[in-house]
Amino acid sequence: MRGKDARYFHVAEAGMTSIIWSNPGNPTNEVSRALGVERWQLRRALHRIKQGQGLAGADRVTIWNDGSVTDEHGIVLGNVYDEIS
């Protein structure tokens, strides 16, 4: 599901995704490799997603193997792939 309503669904409901990062701090190079993007692209995408949702850089998010980014409550904030230009 995409679009405005998609942000209300927990990613795990799809049953085919898995968490690749949920630690505090910046994601590692392994996260970038798992998503098939450069680290600078991941950092820029996360910055855009957080900024677009009114979050600060220090706010914790979870990154899923499909590129989805959720907050601590499982609300979808955006997708890394959507932010890569």
PDB file of N, CA and C in Angstrom:
ATOM      1  N   MET A   1       0.839  -1.170   0.000  1.00  0.00           N
ATOM      2  CA  MET A   1       0.000   0.000   0.000  1.00  0.00           C
ATOM      3  C   MET A   1       0.882   1.230   0.000  1.00  0.00           C
ATOM      4  N   ARG A   2       0.602   2.188  -0.857  1.00  0.00           N
ATOM      5  CA  ARG A   2       1.363   3.427  -0.968  1.00  0.00           C
ATOM      6  C   ARG A   2       0.437   4.602  -0.693  1.00  0.00           C
ATOM      7  N   GLY A   3       1.035   5.759  -0.589  1.00  0.00           N
ATOM      8  CA  GLY A   3       0.259   6.968  -0.408  1.00  0.00           C
ATOM      9  C   GLY A   3       0.048   7.304   1.047  1.00  0.00           C
ATOM     10  N   LYS A   4      -0.773   8.301   1.269  1.00  0.00           N
ATOM     11  CA  LYS A   4      -0.975   8.846   2.600  1.00  0.00           C
ATOM     12  C   LYS A   4      -1.482   7.807   3.594  1.00  0.00           C
ATOM     13  N   ASP A   5      -2.382   6.931   3.203  1.00  0.00           N
ATOM     14  CA  ASP A   5      -2.930   5.930   4.112  1.00  0.00           C
ATOM     15  C   ASP A   5      -1.921   4.857   4.490  1.00  0.00           C
ATOM     16  N   ALA A   6      -0.898   4.667   3.680  1.00  0.00           N
ATOM     17  CA  ALA A   6       0.083   3.612   3.931  1.00  0.00           C
ATOM     18  C   ALA A   6       0.860   3.851   5.215  1.00  0.00           C
ATOM     19  N   ARG A   7       0.999   5.087   5.636  1.00  0.00           N
ATOM     20  CA  ARG A   7       1.813   5.377   6.813  1.00  0.00           C
ATOM     21  C   ARG A   7       1.190   4.854   8.100  1.00  0.00           C
ATOM     22  N   TYR A   8      -0.056   4.430   8.063  1.00  0.00           N
ATOM     23  CA  TYR A   8      -0.719   3.959   9.269  1.00  0.00           C
ATOM     24  C   TYR A   8      -0.626   2.455   9.470  1.00  0.00           C
ATOM     25  N   PHE A   9      -0.018   1.755   8.543  1.00  0.00           N
ATOM     26  CA  PHE A   9       0.068   0.309   8.641  1.00  0.00           C
ATOM     27  C   PHE A   9       1.464  -0.113   9.049  1.00  0.00           C
ATOM     28  N   HIS A  10       1.529  -1.016   9.994  1.00  0.00           N
ATOM     29  CA  HIS A  10       2.819  -1.539  10.435  1.00  0.00           C
ATOM     30  C   HIS A  10       3.401  -2.406   9.338  1.00  0.00           C
ATOM     31  N   VAL A  11       4.656  -2.215   9.057  1.00  0.00           N
ATOM     32  CA  VAL A  11       5.321  -2.927   7.969  1.00  0.00           C
ATOM     33  C   VAL A  11       5.270  -4.436   8.172  1.00  0.00           C
ATOM     34  N   ALA A  12       5.398  -4.890   9.390  1.00  0.00           N
ATOM     35  CA  ALA A  12       5.450  -6.327   9.660  1.00  0.00           C
ATOM     36  C   ALA A  12       4.157  -7.041   9.297  1.00  0.00           C
ATOM     37  N   GLU A  13       3.065  -6.301   9.121  1.00  0.00           N
ATOM     38  CA  GLU A  13       1.806  -6.938   8.740  1.00  0.00           C
ATOM     39  C   GLU A  13       1.914  -7.654   7.406  1.00  0.00           C
ATOM     40  N   ALA A  14       2.821  -7.195   6.561  1.00  0.00           N
ATOM     41  CA  ALA A  14       2.992  -7.834   5.263  1.00  0.00           C
ATOM     42  C   ALA A  14       3.598  -9.222   5.413  1.00  0.00           C
ATOM     43  N   GLY A  15       4.309  -9.449   6.508  1.00  0.00           N
ATOM     44  CA  GLY A  15       4.866 -10.765   6.788  1.00  0.00           C
ATOM     45  C   GLY A  15       6.103 -11.133   5.994  1.00  0.00           C
ATOM     46  N   MET A  16       6.546 -10.274   5.096  1.00  0.00           N
ATOM     47  CA  MET A  16       7.691 -10.600   4.261  1.00  0.00           C
ATOM     48  C   MET A  16       8.878  -9.685   4.513  1.00  0.00           C
ATOM     49  N   THR A  17       8.782  -8.806   5.469  1.00  0.00           N
ATOM     50  CA  THR A  17       9.858  -7.868   5.728  1.00  0.00           C
ATOM     51  C   THR A  17      10.574  -8.211   7.023  1.00  0.00           C
ATOM     52  N   SER A  18      11.793  -7.712   7.131  1.00  0.00           N
ATOM     53  CA  SER A  18      12.534  -7.917   8.370  1.00  0.00           C
ATOM     54  C   SER A  18      13.326  -6.651   8.694  1.00  0.00           C
ATOM     55  N   ILE A  19      13.587  -6.462   9.957  1.00  0.00           N
ATOM     56  CA  ILE A  19      14.333  -5.299  10.428  1.00  0.00           C
ATOM     57  C   ILE A  19      15.804  -5.489  10.093  1.00  0.00           C
ATOM     58  N   ILE A  20      16.406  -4.433   9.517  1.00  0.00           N
ATOM     59  CA  ILE A  20      17.845  -4.489   9.287  1.00  0.00           C
ATOM     60  C   ILE A  20      18.581  -3.463  10.145  1.00  0.00           C
ATOM     61  N   TRP A  21      17.853  -2.529  10.779  1.00  0.00           N
ATOM     62  CA  TRP A  21      18.483  -1.579  11.684  1.00  0.00           C
ATOM     63  C   TRP A  21      17.456  -1.001  12.632  1.00  0.00           C
ATOM     64  N   SER A  22      17.737  -1.083  13.922  1.00  0.00           N
ATOM     65  CA  SER A  22      16.864  -0.448  14.919  1.00  0.00           C
ATOM     66  C   SER A  22      17.670   0.049  16.113  1.00  0.00           C
ATOM     67  N   ASN A  23      18.975   0.138  15.935  1.00  0.00           N
ATOM     68  CA  ASN A  23      19.851   0.596  17.009  1.00  0.00           C
ATOM     69  C   ASN A  23      19.911   2.120  17.047  1.00  0.00           C
ATOM     70  N   PRO A  24      20.284   2.671  18.206  1.00  0.00           N
ATOM     71  CA  PRO A  24      20.496   4.125  18.240  1.00  0.00           C
ATOM     72  C   PRO A  24      21.725   4.477  17.398  1.00  0.00           C
ATOM     73  N   GLY A  25      21.785   5.696  16.929  1.00  0.00           N
ATOM     74  CA  GLY A  25      22.936   6.141  16.146  1.00  0.00           C
ATOM     75  C   GLY A  25      22.732   5.945  14.655  1.00  0.00           C
ATOM     76  N   ASN A  26      23.785   6.237  13.919  1.00  0.00           N
ATOM     77  CA  ASN A  26      23.725   6.136  12.461  1.00  0.00           C
ATOM     78  C   ASN A  26      23.826   4.689  11.995  1.00  0.00           C
ATOM     79  N   PRO A  27      23.066   4.341  10.958  1.00  0.00           N
ATOM     80  CA  PRO A  27      23.164   2.988  10.399  1.00  0.00           C
ATOM     81  C   PRO A  27      24.565   2.715   9.856  1.00  0.00           C
ATOM     82  N   THR A  28      24.956   1.482   9.910  1.00  0.00           N
ATOM     83  CA  THR A  28      26.288   1.071   9.470  1.00  0.00           C
ATOM     84  C   THR A  28      26.338   0.865   7.956  1.00  0.00           C
ATOM     85  N   ASN A  29      27.546   0.625   7.477  1.00  0.00           N
ATOM     86  CA  ASN A  29      27.728   0.328   6.051  1.00  0.00           C
ATOM     87  C   ASN A  29      26.959  -0.918   5.634  1.00  0.00           C
ATOM     88  N   GLU A  30      26.802  -1.863   6.555  1.00  0.00           N
ATOM     89  CA  GLU A  30      26.080  -3.099   6.241  1.00  0.00           C
ATOM     90  C   GLU A  30      24.618  -2.815   5.891  1.00  0.00           C
ATOM     91  N   VAL A  31      24.041  -1.813   6.515  1.00  0.00           N
ATOM     92  CA  VAL A  31      22.646  -1.452   6.211  1.00  0.00           C
ATOM     93  C   VAL A  31      22.558  -0.934   4.779  1.00  0.00           C
ATOM     94  N   SER A  32      23.488  -0.069   4.412  1.00  0.00           N
ATOM     95  CA  SER A  32      23.523   0.444   3.038  1.00  0.00           C
ATOM     96  C   SER A  32      23.665  -0.685   2.038  1.00  0.00           C
ATOM     97  N   ARG A  33      24.584  -1.607   2.330  1.00  0.00           N
ATOM     98  CA  ARG A  33      24.787  -2.740   1.424  1.00  0.00           C
ATOM     99  C   ARG A  33      23.538  -3.608   1.328  1.00  0.00           C
ATOM    100  N   ALA A  34      22.874  -3.829   2.455  1.00  0.00           N
ATOM    101  CA  ALA A  34      21.664  -4.657   2.448  1.00  0.00           C
ATOM    102  C   ALA A  34      20.573  -4.032   1.588  1.00  0.00           C
ATOM    103  N   LEU A  35      20.534  -2.713   1.542  1.00  0.00           N
ATOM    104  CA  LEU A  35      19.531  -2.025   0.725  1.00  0.00           C
ATOM    105  C   LEU A  35      20.008  -1.788  -0.705  1.00  0.00           C
ATOM    106  N   GLY A  36      21.294  -2.025  -0.950  1.00  0.00           N
ATOM    107  CA  GLY A  36      21.833  -1.824  -2.294  1.00  0.00           C
ATOM    108  C   GLY A  36      22.015  -0.367  -2.663  1.00  0.00           C
ATOM    109  N   VAL A  37      22.296   0.481  -1.658  1.00  0.00           N
ATOM    110  CA  VAL A  37      22.493   1.904  -1.905  1.00  0.00           C
ATOM    111  C   VAL A  37      23.817   2.331  -1.271  1.00  0.00           C
ATOM    112  N   GLU A  38      24.303   3.480  -1.682  1.00  0.00           N
ATOM    113  CA  GLU A  38      25.499   4.049  -1.083  1.00  0.00           C
ATOM    114  C   GLU A  38      25.147   4.613   0.297  1.00  0.00           C
ATOM    115  N   ARG A  39      26.129   4.649   1.180  1.00  0.00           N
ATOM    116  CA  ARG A  39      25.863   5.129   2.535  1.00  0.00           C
ATOM    117  C   ARG A  39      25.378   6.588   2.534  1.00  0.00           C
ATOM    118  N   TRP A  40      25.962   7.421   1.670  1.00  0.00           N
ATOM    119  CA  TRP A  40      25.529   8.811   1.618  1.00  0.00           C
ATOM    120  C   TRP A  40      24.079   8.922   1.164  1.00  0.00           C
ATOM    121  N   GLN A  41      23.646   8.017   0.291  1.00  0.00           N
ATOM    122  CA  GLN A  41      22.254   8.025  -0.153  1.00  0.00           C
ATOM    123  C   GLN A  41      21.318   7.662   0.996  1.00  0.00           C
ATOM    124  N   LEU A  42      21.722   6.662   1.781  1.00  0.00           N
ATOM    125  CA  LEU A  42      20.915   6.258   2.931  1.00  0.00           C
ATOM    126  C   LEU A  42      20.814   7.397   3.934  1.00  0.00           C
ATOM    127  N   ARG A  43      21.934   8.028   4.237  1.00  0.00           N
ATOM    128  CA  ARG A  43      21.922   9.135   5.198  1.00  0.00           C
ATOM    129  C   ARG A  43      21.026  10.277   4.716  1.00  0.00           C
ATOM    130  N   ARG A  44      21.139  10.622   3.441  1.00  0.00           N
ATOM    131  CA  ARG A  44      20.317  11.701   2.889  1.00  0.00           C
ATOM    132  C   ARG A  44      18.838  11.328   2.937  1.00  0.00           C
ATOM    133  N   ALA A  45      18.534  10.091   2.576  1.00  0.00           N
ATOM    134  CA  ALA A  45      17.144   9.629   2.590  1.00  0.00           C
ATOM    135  C   ALA A  45      16.571   9.673   4.009  1.00  0.00           C
ATOM    136  N   LEU A  46      17.328   9.197   4.981  1.00  0.00           N
ATOM    137  CA  LEU A  46      16.852   9.229   6.367  1.00  0.00           C
ATOM    138  C   LEU A  46      16.651  10.660   6.848  1.00  0.00           C
ATOM    139  N   HIS A  47      17.557  11.546   6.477  1.00  0.00           N
ATOM    140  CA  HIS A  47      17.418  12.951   6.848  1.00  0.00           C
ATOM    141  C   HIS A  47      16.122  13.535   6.276  1.00  0.00           C
ATOM    142  N   ARG A  48      15.869  13.264   5.008  1.00  0.00           N
ATOM    143  CA  ARG A  48      14.656  13.771   4.366  1.00  0.00           C
ATOM    144  C   ARG A  48      13.395  13.200   5.006  1.00  0.00           C
ATOM    145  N   ILE A  49      13.418  11.906   5.289  1.00  0.00           N
ATOM    146  CA  ILE A  49      12.254  11.264   5.905  1.00  0.00           C
ATOM    147  C   ILE A  49      11.992  11.853   7.282  1.00  0.00           C
ATOM    148  N   LYS A  50      13.025  11.941   8.096  1.00  0.00           N
ATOM    149  CA  LYS A  50      12.859  12.491   9.443  1.00  0.00           C
ATOM    150  C   LYS A  50      12.414  13.946   9.398  1.00  0.00           C
ATOM    151  N   GLN A  51      13.048  14.734   8.558  1.00  0.00           N
ATOM    152  CA  GLN A  51      12.700  16.141   8.448  1.00  0.00           C
ATOM    153  C   GLN A  51      11.243  16.308   7.992  1.00  0.00           C
ATOM    154  N   GLY A  52      10.835  15.497   7.042  1.00  0.00           N
ATOM    155  CA  GLY A  52       9.467  15.561   6.535  1.00  0.00           C
ATOM    156  C   GLY A  52       8.407  15.194   7.568  1.00  0.00           C
ATOM    157  N   GLN A  53       8.812  14.455   8.580  1.00  0.00           N
ATOM    158  CA  GLN A  53       7.882  14.034   9.630  1.00  0.00           C
ATOM    159  C   GLN A  53       8.051  14.860  10.907  1.00  0.00           C
ATOM    160  N   GLY A  54       8.908  15.877  10.843  1.00  0.00           N
ATOM    161  CA  GLY A  54       9.121  16.734  12.000  1.00  0.00           C
ATOM    162  C   GLY A  54       9.991  16.102  13.082  1.00  0.00           C
ATOM    163  N   LEU A  55      10.789  15.126  12.710  1.00  0.00           N
ATOM    164  CA  LEU A  55      11.669  14.469  13.671  1.00  0.00           C
ATOM    165  C   LEU A  55      13.070  15.057  13.595  1.00  0.00           C
ATOM    166  N   ALA A  56      13.792  14.942  14.688  1.00  0.00           N
ATOM    167  CA  ALA A  56      15.181  15.380  14.735  1.00  0.00           C
ATOM    168  C   ALA A  56      16.086  14.217  14.350  1.00  0.00           C
ATOM    169  N   GLY A  57      17.335  14.535  14.054  1.00  0.00           N
ATOM    170  CA  GLY A  57      18.295  13.510  13.686  1.00  0.00           C
ATOM    171  C   GLY A  57      18.470  12.442  14.750  1.00  0.00           C
ATOM    172  N   ALA A  58      18.341  12.832  16.010  1.00  0.00           N
ATOM    173  CA  ALA A  58      18.543  11.888  17.110  1.00  0.00           C
ATOM    174  C   ALA A  58      17.331  10.992  17.368  1.00  0.00           C
ATOM    175  N   ASP A  59      16.196  11.290  16.746  1.00  0.00           N
ATOM    176  CA  ASP A  59      15.008  10.456  16.947  1.00  0.00           C
ATOM    177  C   ASP A  59      15.232   9.077  16.333  1.00  0.00           C
ATOM    178  N   ARG A  60      14.891   8.070  17.091  1.00  0.00           N
ATOM    179  CA  ARG A  60      15.154   6.684  16.695  1.00  0.00           C
ATOM    180  C   ARG A  60      14.123   6.189  15.679  1.00  0.00           C
ATOM    181  N   VAL A  61      14.615   5.508  14.655  1.00  0.00           N
ATOM    182  CA  VAL A  61      13.749   4.892  13.646  1.00  0.00           C
ATOM    183  C   VAL A  61      14.220   3.464  13.390  1.00  0.00           C
ATOM    184  N   THR A  62      13.358   2.704  12.755  1.00  0.00           N
ATOM    185  CA  THR A  62      13.680   1.332  12.352  1.00  0.00           C
ATOM    186  C   THR A  62      13.697   1.282  10.833  1.00  0.00           C
ATOM    187  N   ILE A  63      14.712   0.617  10.291  1.00  0.00           N
ATOM    188  CA  ILE A  63      14.829   0.463   8.840  1.00  0.00           C
ATOM    189  C   ILE A  63      14.572  -0.999   8.504  1.00  0.00           C
ATOM    190  N   TRP A  64      13.705  -1.220   7.527  1.00  0.00           N
ATOM    191  CA  TRP A  64      13.308  -2.561   7.112  1.00  0.00           C
ATOM    192  C   TRP A  64      13.972  -2.914   5.789  1.00  0.00           C
ATOM    193  N   ASN A  65      14.054  -4.190   5.484  1.00  0.00           N
ATOM    194  CA  ASN A  65      14.758  -4.639   4.280  1.00  0.00           C
ATOM    195  C   ASN A  65      14.080  -4.247   2.976  1.00  0.00           C
ATOM    196  N   ASP A  66      12.862  -3.743   3.027  1.00  0.00           N
ATOM    197  CA  ASP A  66      12.210  -3.238   1.811  1.00  0.00           C
ATOM    198  C   ASP A  66      12.388  -1.727   1.660  1.00  0.00           C
ATOM    199  N   GLY A  67      13.182  -1.121   2.559  1.00  0.00           N
ATOM    200  CA  GLY A  67      13.442   0.312   2.511  1.00  0.00           C
ATOM    201  C   GLY A  67      12.506   1.140   3.374  1.00  0.00           C
ATOM    202  N   SER A  68      11.481   0.518   3.934  1.00  0.00           N
ATOM    203  CA  SER A  68      10.551   1.249   4.790  1.00  0.00           C
ATOM    204  C   SER A  68      11.256   1.732   6.048  1.00  0.00           C
ATOM    205  N   VAL A  69      10.826   2.887   6.521  1.00  0.00           N
ATOM    206  CA  VAL A  69      11.342   3.463   7.758  1.00  0.00           C
ATOM    207  C   VAL A  69      10.146   3.712   8.661  1.00  0.00           C
ATOM    208  N   THR A  70      10.208   3.171   9.876  1.00  0.00           N
ATOM    209  CA  THR A  70       9.107   3.330  10.817  1.00  0.00           C
ATOM    210  C   THR A  70       9.602   4.019  12.086  1.00  0.00           C
ATOM    211  N   ASP A  71       8.640   4.587  12.826  1.00  0.00           N
ATOM    212  CA  ASP A  71       8.997   5.185  14.108  1.00  0.00           C
ATOM    213  C   ASP A  71       8.933   4.117  15.192  1.00  0.00           C
ATOM    214  N   GLU A  72       9.099   4.525  16.428  1.00  0.00           N
ATOM    215  CA  GLU A  72       9.138   3.564  17.532  1.00  0.00           C
ATOM    216  C   GLU A  72       7.808   2.864  17.776  1.00  0.00           C
ATOM    217  N   HIS A  73       6.734   3.376  17.159  1.00  0.00           N
ATOM    218  CA  HIS A  73       5.409   2.767  17.296  1.00  0.00           C
ATOM    219  C   HIS A  73       5.024   1.914  16.097  1.00  0.00           C
ATOM    220  N   GLY A  74       5.931   1.798  15.132  1.00  0.00           N
ATOM    221  CA  GLY A  74       5.665   0.999  13.949  1.00  0.00           C
ATOM    222  C   GLY A  74       4.928   1.740  12.849  1.00  0.00           C
ATOM    223  N   ILE A  75       4.792   3.052  12.992  1.00  0.00           N
ATOM    224  CA  ILE A  75       4.131   3.857  11.967  1.00  0.00           C
ATOM    225  C   ILE A  75       5.126   4.115  10.835  1.00  0.00           C
ATOM    226  N   VAL A  76       4.716   3.848   9.616  1.00  0.00           N
ATOM    227  CA  VAL A  76       5.586   4.065   8.459  1.00  0.00           C
ATOM    228  C   VAL A  76       5.765   5.556   8.232  1.00  0.00           C
ATOM    229  N   LEU A  77       7.015   5.987   8.228  1.00  0.00           N
ATOM    230  CA  LEU A  77       7.349   7.394   8.010  1.00  0.00           C
ATOM    231  C   LEU A  77       7.692   7.675   6.557  1.00  0.00           C
ATOM    232  N   GLY A  78       8.209   6.678   5.879  1.00  0.00           N
ATOM    233  CA  GLY A  78       8.619   6.849   4.493  1.00  0.00           C
ATOM    234  C   GLY A  78       9.399   5.639   4.027  1.00  0.00           C
ATOM    235  N   ASN A  79      10.003   5.775   2.858  1.00  0.00           N
ATOM    236  CA  ASN A  79      10.783   4.695   2.283  1.00  0.00           C
ATOM    237  C   ASN A  79      12.080   5.248   1.714  1.00  0.00           C
ATOM    238  N   VAL A  80      13.166   4.617   2.026  1.00  0.00           N
ATOM    239  CA  VAL A  80      14.482   5.051   1.572  1.00  0.00           C
ATOM    240  C   VAL A  80      14.512   5.177   0.053  1.00  0.00           C
ATOM    241  N   TYR A  81      13.976   4.194  -0.648  1.00  0.00           N
ATOM    242  CA  TYR A  81      14.015   4.199  -2.109  1.00  0.00           C
ATOM    243  C   TYR A  81      13.228   5.358  -2.709  1.00  0.00           C
ATOM    244  N   ASP A  82      12.182   5.791  -2.047  1.00  0.00           N
ATOM    245  CA  ASP A  82      11.398   6.930  -2.541  1.00  0.00           C
ATOM    246  C   ASP A  82      12.173   8.237  -2.433  1.00  0.00           C
ATOM    247  N   GLU A  83      13.147   8.284  -1.529  1.00  0.00           N
ATOM    248  CA  GLU A  83      13.902   9.520  -1.291  1.00  0.00           C
ATOM    249  C   GLU A  83      15.192   9.601  -2.081  1.00  0.00           C
ATOM    250  N   ILE A  84      15.566   8.544  -2.750  1.00  0.00           N
ATOM    251  CA  ILE A  84      16.807   8.545  -3.531  1.00  0.00           C
ATOM    252  C   ILE A  84      16.506   9.087  -4.908  1.00  0.00           C
ATOM    253  N   SER A  85      17.235  10.132  -5.261  1.00  0.00           N
ATOM    254  CA  SER A  85      16.980  10.754  -6.575  1.00  0.00           C
ATOM    255  C   SER A  85      18.044  10.397  -7.577  1.00  0.00           C
TER     256      SER A  85
END
